[in-house]
């Protein structure tokens, strides 16, 4: 199951897009990317091995939501 979460932000007048995906059992990782003006400027990856709960689809979706929010917070805090 591939899950994608997308959020558009405006930071200091610039459009920023945050996309988080669960790349599923084939790739075994969560990936969050930050785009500015359509170009990727930062990528975060979390391998399934670093996740602690049994990895049901629902649990992985929860981890993806948490990662997505952490990346949004990072952007708001000036991480770019």
Protein backbone atom coordinates (compact mmCIF):
# COMPACT_ATOMS: atom_id res chain seq x y z
CA UNK A 1 0.00 0.00 0.00
CA UNK A 2 1.55 3.29 -1.09
CA UNK A 3 0.34 6.25 0.94
CA UNK A 4 0.97 9.84 -0.11
CA UNK A 5 0.35 12.91 2.06
CA UNK A 6 0.69 16.35 0.49
CA UNK A 7 0.67 19.84 1.98
CA UNK A 8 1.19 23.20 0.29
CA UNK A 9 2.65 25.99 2.43
CA UNK A 10 3.59 29.61 1.91
CA UNK A 11 6.76 30.50 3.78
CA UNK A 12 8.01 34.10 3.55
CA UNK A 13 6.00 34.54 0.35
CA UNK A 14 7.37 31.39 -1.30
CA UNK A 15 5.40 28.28 -2.24
CA UNK A 16 6.66 25.16 -0.50
CA UNK A 17 5.26 21.66 -0.98
CA UNK A 18 5.76 18.81 1.48
CA UNK A 19 5.11 15.27 0.25
CA UNK A 20 5.39 12.18 2.43
CA UNK A 21 5.08 8.64 1.09
CA UNK A 22 5.13 5.13 2.45
CA UNK A 23 7.14 3.29 -0.17
CA UNK A 24 5.67 -0.03 0.97
CA UNK A 25 7.12 -3.44 1.67
CA UNK A 26 9.17 -3.47 -1.54
CA UNK A 27 11.34 -0.51 -0.45
CA UNK A 28 10.63 -0.64 3.31
CA UNK A 29 10.86 3.05 4.09
CA UNK A 30 8.95 6.27 4.59
CA UNK A 31 10.12 9.21 2.48
CA UNK A 32 9.32 12.90 3.00
CA UNK A 33 10.41 15.51 0.50
CA UNK A 34 10.31 19.29 0.52
CA UNK A 35 9.88 21.14 -2.78
CA UNK A 36 10.34 24.86 -3.43
CA UNK A 37 9.41 26.27 -6.82
CA UNK A 38 8.88 22.70 -8.04
CA UNK A 39 12.41 21.54 -7.19
CA UNK A 40 13.22 19.14 -4.40
CA UNK A 41 15.34 20.88 -1.78
CA UNK A 42 15.37 18.30 1.03
CA UNK A 43 14.59 14.62 1.45
CA UNK A 44 14.09 12.64 4.66
CA UNK A 45 14.00 8.82 4.76
CA UNK A 46 13.00 6.56 7.65
CA UNK A 47 13.66 2.83 7.13
CA UNK A 48 11.03 0.48 8.51
CA UNK A 49 13.71 -0.96 10.83
CA UNK A 50 13.61 2.31 12.85
CA UNK A 51 9.85 2.03 13.45
CA UNK A 52 8.98 0.31 16.71
CA UNK A 53 5.36 -0.91 16.51
CA UNK A 54 4.16 -3.93 14.49
CA UNK A 55 3.95 -2.54 10.96
CA UNK A 56 0.35 -2.93 9.93
CA UNK A 57 -0.93 -0.61 7.20
CA UNK A 58 -2.67 1.54 9.83
CA UNK A 59 0.47 1.82 11.99
CA UNK A 60 2.64 2.75 8.97
CA UNK A 61 0.08 5.37 7.99
CA UNK A 62 0.32 6.84 11.50
CA UNK A 63 4.12 6.97 11.27
CA UNK A 64 3.83 8.65 7.85
CA UNK A 65 1.50 11.29 9.35
CA UNK A 66 3.96 11.91 12.19
CA UNK A 67 6.89 12.25 9.79
CA UNK A 68 4.88 14.60 7.58
CA UNK A 69 4.06 16.86 10.52
CA UNK A 70 7.68 16.86 11.72
CA UNK A 71 8.84 17.97 8.28
CA UNK A 72 6.19 20.70 8.17
CA UNK A 73 7.36 21.86 11.62
CA UNK A 74 10.97 21.81 10.37
CA UNK A 75 10.02 24.01 7.42
CA UNK A 76 8.13 26.47 9.66
CA UNK A 77 11.10 26.64 12.03
CA UNK A 78 13.36 27.80 9.17
CA UNK A 79 14.97 24.45 8.36
CA UNK A 80 15.30 25.31 4.70
